[in-house]
């Protein structure tokens, strides 16, 4: 199930990405910082254009992993790349309602991570990533609850349409 895979990927990400952000803030080169900033700008562009096909969220996180200068963080993210994409697809497929606000919230979280890395503040970078991934997990869970509500509503609608008892 997509939801289960997405939650497992987030569980893994919560165990490695805060430290990747921590080390990125200490080790990043000017070129790596520009790559993170470019990924952030690309994410913001998708908010303006509504183009949800681009993999800007993954690119942002991968740029941070690369800036940590520890190849194991990059390997960890690329190992679950498919599950990260599933999470993005799940979000797109579930509902367009609130999509813009949700993406704007994610952008604000990404910007806080970038700014901490830019300032070379490892504690803030790690905490900003922890907050972002916690919020991501909550967003996925709420989308899962919406799936259940929609499935329940869909199952009830045909049954109610066939009733002849006036209820």
C-alpha atoms as a PDB file:
ATOM      1  CA  UNK A   1       0.000   0.000   0.000  1.00  0.00           C
ATOM      2  CA  UNK A   2       1.279   3.470  -0.888  1.00  0.00           C
ATOM      3  CA  UNK A   3       0.432   4.949   2.494  1.00  0.00           C
ATOM      4  CA  UNK A   4       2.369   2.282   4.399  1.00  0.00           C
ATOM      5  CA  UNK A   5       5.433   2.654   2.164  1.00  0.00           C
ATOM      6  CA  UNK A   6       5.324   6.417   2.555  1.00  0.00           C
ATOM      7  CA  UNK A   7       5.131   6.197   6.348  1.00  0.00           C
ATOM      8  CA  UNK A   8       8.046   3.728   6.471  1.00  0.00           C
ATOM      9  CA  UNK A   9      10.099   6.020   4.243  1.00  0.00           C
ATOM     10  CA  UNK A  10       9.332   8.953   6.548  1.00  0.00           C
ATOM     11  CA  UNK A  11      10.334   6.896   9.565  1.00  0.00           C
ATOM     12  CA  UNK A  12      13.701   6.235   7.919  1.00  0.00           C
ATOM     13  CA  UNK A  13      14.069   9.835   6.796  1.00  0.00           C
ATOM     14  CA  UNK A  14      13.399  11.103  10.332  1.00  0.00           C
ATOM     15  CA  UNK A  15      16.345   9.016  11.510  1.00  0.00           C
ATOM     16  CA  UNK A  16      18.891  10.347   8.964  1.00  0.00           C
ATOM     17  CA  UNK A  17      17.888  13.693   7.456  1.00  0.00           C
ATOM     18  CA  UNK A  18      18.147  15.864  10.578  1.00  0.00           C
ATOM     19  CA  UNK A  19      21.784  14.795  10.923  1.00  0.00           C
ATOM     20  CA  UNK A  20      22.359  15.348   7.196  1.00  0.00           C
ATOM     21  CA  UNK A  21      21.103  18.935   7.655  1.00  0.00           C
ATOM     22  CA  UNK A  22      23.319  19.316  10.733  1.00  0.00           C
ATOM     23  CA  UNK A  23      26.446  18.290   8.827  1.00  0.00           C
ATOM     24  CA  UNK A  24      25.425  20.213   5.694  1.00  0.00           C
ATOM     25  CA  UNK A  25      25.372  23.403   7.758  1.00  0.00           C
ATOM     26  CA  UNK A  26      28.938  22.716   8.894  1.00  0.00           C
ATOM     27  CA  UNK A  27      30.476  21.332   5.703  1.00  0.00           C
ATOM     28  CA  UNK A  28      28.599  22.826   2.763  1.00  0.00           C
ATOM     29  CA  UNK A  29      30.581  24.579   0.098  1.00  0.00           C
ATOM     30  CA  UNK A  30      29.327  27.729  -1.638  1.00  0.00           C
ATOM     31  CA  UNK A  31      28.448  25.571  -4.666  1.00  0.00           C
ATOM     32  CA  UNK A  32      26.478  23.118  -2.514  1.00  0.00           C
ATOM     33  CA  UNK A  33      24.654  25.998  -0.813  1.00  0.00           C
ATOM     34  CA  UNK A  34      23.680  27.338  -4.259  1.00  0.00           C
ATOM     35  CA  UNK A  35      22.383  23.871  -5.216  1.00  0.00           C
ATOM     36  CA  UNK A  36      20.149  23.834  -2.119  1.00  0.00           C
ATOM     37  CA  UNK A  37      19.011  27.386  -2.856  1.00  0.00           C
ATOM     38  CA  UNK A  38      18.244  26.477  -6.484  1.00  0.00           C
ATOM     39  CA  UNK A  39      16.199  23.467  -5.364  1.00  0.00           C
ATOM     40  CA  UNK A  40      14.307  25.752  -2.960  1.00  0.00           C
ATOM     41  CA  UNK A  41      13.638  28.272  -5.748  1.00  0.00           C
ATOM     42  CA  UNK A  42      12.459  25.458  -8.028  1.00  0.00           C
ATOM     43  CA  UNK A  43      10.043  24.311  -5.313  1.00  0.00           C
ATOM     44  CA  UNK A  44       8.691  27.848  -4.978  1.00  0.00           C
ATOM     45  CA  UNK A  45       8.250  28.038  -8.758  1.00  0.00           C
ATOM     46  CA  UNK A  46       6.010  24.946  -8.690  1.00  0.00           C
ATOM     47  CA  UNK A  47       3.776  26.732  -6.187  1.00  0.00           C
ATOM     48  CA  UNK A  48       3.377  29.656  -8.593  1.00  0.00           C
ATOM     49  CA  UNK A  49       2.916  27.543 -11.728  1.00  0.00           C
ATOM     50  CA  UNK A  50       1.007  24.608 -10.232  1.00  0.00           C
ATOM     51  CA  UNK A  51       3.383  22.189 -11.997  1.00  0.00           C
ATOM     52  CA  UNK A  52       3.363  19.226  -9.624  1.00  0.00           C
ATOM     53  CA  UNK A  53       5.225  16.840 -11.928  1.00  0.00           C
ATOM     54  CA  UNK A  54       8.693  18.074 -11.080  1.00  0.00           C
ATOM     55  CA  UNK A  55      10.566  16.284  -8.326  1.00  0.00           C
ATOM     56  CA  UNK A  56      11.552  19.453  -6.504  1.00  0.00           C
ATOM     57  CA  UNK A  57      10.946  18.145  -2.985  1.00  0.00           C
ATOM     58  CA  UNK A  58      13.252  15.187  -3.530  1.00  0.00           C
ATOM     59  CA  UNK A  59      15.846  17.431  -5.219  1.00  0.00           C
ATOM     60  CA  UNK A  60      15.860  19.760  -2.205  1.00  0.00           C
ATOM     61  CA  UNK A  61      16.455  16.937   0.266  1.00  0.00           C
ATOM     62  CA  UNK A  62      19.054  15.308  -1.972  1.00  0.00           C
ATOM     63  CA  UNK A  63      20.962  18.606  -2.261  1.00  0.00           C
ATOM     64  CA  UNK A  64      21.117  18.801   1.538  1.00  0.00           C
ATOM     65  CA  UNK A  65      22.328  15.195   1.762  1.00  0.00           C
ATOM     66  CA  UNK A  66      25.037  15.979  -0.808  1.00  0.00           C
ATOM     67  CA  UNK A  67      26.058  19.123   1.101  1.00  0.00           C
ATOM     68  CA  UNK A  68      26.649  16.998   4.209  1.00  0.00           C
ATOM     69  CA  UNK A  69      29.636  15.619   2.277  1.00  0.00           C
ATOM     70  CA  UNK A  70      28.779  12.157   3.589  1.00  0.00           C
ATOM     71  CA  UNK A  71      27.884   9.838   0.714  1.00  0.00           C
ATOM     72  CA  UNK A  72      25.886   7.553   3.015  1.00  0.00           C
ATOM     73  CA  UNK A  73      23.186  10.208   3.427  1.00  0.00           C
ATOM     74  CA  UNK A  74      22.867  10.425  -0.362  1.00  0.00           C
ATOM     75  CA  UNK A  75      22.780   6.627  -0.619  1.00  0.00           C
ATOM     76  CA  UNK A  76      20.070   6.458   2.045  1.00  0.00           C
ATOM     77  CA  UNK A  77      17.847   8.945   0.235  1.00  0.00           C
ATOM     78  CA  UNK A  78      18.349   7.393  -3.174  1.00  0.00           C
ATOM     79  CA  UNK A  79      17.468   3.990  -1.696  1.00  0.00           C
ATOM     80  CA  UNK A  80      14.010   5.287  -0.768  1.00  0.00           C
ATOM     81  CA  UNK A  81      13.611   7.651  -3.719  1.00  0.00           C
ATOM     82  CA  UNK A  82      10.675   5.599  -5.031  1.00  0.00           C
ATOM     83  CA  UNK A  83       8.859   5.828  -1.697  1.00  0.00           C
ATOM     84  CA  UNK A  84       9.422   9.580  -1.518  1.00  0.00           C
ATOM     85  CA  UNK A  85       7.890   9.847  -4.985  1.00  0.00           C
ATOM     86  CA  UNK A  86       4.960   7.693  -3.826  1.00  0.00           C
ATOM     87  CA  UNK A  87       4.310  10.140  -1.016  1.00  0.00           C
ATOM     88  CA  UNK A  88       4.253  13.050  -3.443  1.00  0.00           C
ATOM     89  CA  UNK A  89       1.962  11.140  -5.814  1.00  0.00           C
ATOM     90  CA  UNK A  90      -0.337  10.198  -2.938  1.00  0.00           C
ATOM     91  CA  UNK A  91      -0.625  13.870  -1.983  1.00  0.00           C
ATOM     92  CA  UNK A  92      -1.391  14.906  -5.565  1.00  0.00           C
ATOM     93  CA  UNK A  93      -3.887  12.134  -6.229  1.00  0.00           C
ATOM     94  CA  UNK A  94      -5.808  12.509  -3.016  1.00  0.00           C
ATOM     95  CA  UNK A  95      -6.969  16.035  -3.295  1.00  0.00           C
ATOM     96  CA  UNK A  96      -6.360  19.295  -5.018  1.00  0.00           C
ATOM     97  CA  UNK A  97      -8.228  20.922  -2.132  1.00  0.00           C
ATOM     98  CA  UNK A  98      -5.735  22.792   0.007  1.00  0.00           C
ATOM     99  CA  UNK A  99      -2.866  21.813  -2.303  1.00  0.00           C
ATOM    100  CA  UNK A 100      -1.554  25.360  -2.625  1.00  0.00           C
ATOM    101  CA  UNK A 101      -1.640  26.000   1.124  1.00  0.00           C
ATOM    102  CA  UNK A 102       0.021  22.652   1.855  1.00  0.00           C
ATOM    103  CA  UNK A 103       2.801  23.319  -0.658  1.00  0.00           C
ATOM    104  CA  UNK A 104       3.280  26.833   0.744  1.00  0.00           C
ATOM    105  CA  UNK A 105       3.680  25.332   4.248  1.00  0.00           C
ATOM    106  CA  UNK A 106       6.264  22.877   2.947  1.00  0.00           C
ATOM    107  CA  UNK A 107       8.099  25.725   1.233  1.00  0.00           C
ATOM    108  CA  UNK A 108       8.230  27.717   4.489  1.00  0.00           C
ATOM    109  CA  UNK A 109       9.638  24.647   6.272  1.00  0.00           C
ATOM    110  CA  UNK A 110      12.223  24.130   3.508  1.00  0.00           C
ATOM    111  CA  UNK A 111      13.189  27.805   3.697  1.00  0.00           C
ATOM    112  CA  UNK A 112      13.831  27.515   7.455  1.00  0.00           C
ATOM    113  CA  UNK A 113      16.133  24.548   6.813  1.00  0.00           C
ATOM    114  CA  UNK A 114      17.978  26.409   4.048  1.00  0.00           C
ATOM    115  CA  UNK A 115      18.416  29.545   6.159  1.00  0.00           C
ATOM    116  CA  UNK A 116      19.896  27.561   9.050  1.00  0.00           C
ATOM    117  CA  UNK A 117      22.316  25.833   6.673  1.00  0.00           C
ATOM    118  CA  UNK A 118      23.167  29.178   5.082  1.00  0.00           C
ATOM    119  CA  UNK A 119      23.930  30.623   8.564  1.00  0.00           C
ATOM    120  CA  UNK A 120      25.964  27.507   9.302  1.00  0.00           C
ATOM    121  CA  UNK A 121      23.929  26.850  12.426  1.00  0.00           C
ATOM    122  CA  UNK A 122      23.876  23.043  12.810  1.00  0.00           C
ATOM    123  CA  UNK A 123      21.492  22.974  15.781  1.00  0.00           C
ATOM    124  CA  UNK A 124      18.880  25.072  13.995  1.00  0.00           C
ATOM    125  CA  UNK A 125      19.342  23.111  10.752  1.00  0.00           C
ATOM    126  CA  UNK A 126      18.798  19.810  12.522  1.00  0.00           C
ATOM    127  CA  UNK A 127      15.762  21.106  14.421  1.00  0.00           C
ATOM    128  CA  UNK A 128      14.209  22.667  11.310  1.00  0.00           C
ATOM    129  CA  UNK A 129      14.562  19.334   9.491  1.00  0.00           C
ATOM    130  CA  UNK A 130      13.055  17.461  12.450  1.00  0.00           C
ATOM    131  CA  UNK A 131      10.068  19.808  12.455  1.00  0.00           C
ATOM    132  CA  UNK A 132       9.648  19.517   8.687  1.00  0.00           C
ATOM    133  CA  UNK A 133       9.692  15.708   8.714  1.00  0.00           C
ATOM    134  CA  UNK A 134       7.335  15.580  11.696  1.00  0.00           C
ATOM    135  CA  UNK A 135       4.908  17.836   9.835  1.00  0.00           C
ATOM    136  CA  UNK A 136       5.347  15.703   6.710  1.00  0.00           C
ATOM    137  CA  UNK A 137       4.410  12.604   8.662  1.00  0.00           C
ATOM    138  CA  UNK A 138       1.342  14.344  10.082  1.00  0.00           C
ATOM    139  CA  UNK A 139       0.326  15.453   6.578  1.00  0.00           C
ATOM    140  CA  UNK A 140       0.629  11.876   5.306  1.00  0.00           C
ATOM    141  CA  UNK A 141      -1.403  10.507   8.206  1.00  0.00           C
ATOM    142  CA  UNK A 142      -4.137  13.098   7.660  1.00  0.00           C
ATOM    143  CA  UNK A 143      -4.203  12.192   3.955  1.00  0.00           C
ATOM    144  CA  UNK A 144      -4.543   8.537   4.959  1.00  0.00           C
ATOM    145  CA  UNK A 145      -7.498   9.408   7.146  1.00  0.00           C
ATOM    146  CA  UNK A 146      -9.016  11.254   4.188  1.00  0.00           C
ATOM    147  CA  UNK A 147      -8.599   8.122   2.047  1.00  0.00           C
ATOM    148  CA  UNK A 148     -10.531   6.112   4.622  1.00  0.00           C
ATOM    149  CA  UNK A 149     -13.290   8.773   4.800  1.00  0.00           C
ATOM    150  CA  UNK A 150     -13.600   8.817   1.013  1.00  0.00           C
ATOM    151  CA  UNK A 151     -13.683   5.032   0.809  1.00  0.00           C
ATOM    152  CA  UNK A 152     -16.369   4.895   3.496  1.00  0.00           C
ATOM    153  CA  UNK A 153     -18.407   7.584   1.750  1.00  0.00           C
ATOM    154  CA  UNK A 154     -18.058   5.771  -1.580  1.00  0.00           C
ATOM    155  CA  UNK A 155     -19.200   2.482  -0.081  1.00  0.00           C
ATOM    156  CA  UNK A 156     -22.226   4.097   1.568  1.00  0.00           C
ATOM    157  CA  UNK A 157     -23.380   6.050  -1.496  1.00  0.00           C
ATOM    158  CA  UNK A 158     -24.324   3.029  -3.682  1.00  0.00           C
ATOM    159  CA  UNK A 159     -26.048   1.323  -0.748  1.00  0.00           C
ATOM    160  CA  UNK A 160     -28.096   4.419   0.029  1.00  0.00           C
ATOM    161  CA  UNK A 161     -28.966   4.972  -3.650  1.00  0.00           C
ATOM    162  CA  UNK A 162     -30.608   1.551  -3.816  1.00  0.00           C
ATOM    163  CA  UNK A 163     -32.840   2.028  -0.743  1.00  0.00           C
ATOM    164  CA  UNK A 164     -36.589   2.107  -1.207  1.00  0.00           C
ATOM    165  CA  UNK A 165     -37.616   2.558   2.414  1.00  0.00           C
ATOM    166  CA  UNK A 166     -37.374   6.344   2.285  1.00  0.00           C
ATOM    167  CA  UNK A 167     -34.298   6.559   4.540  1.00  0.00           C
END
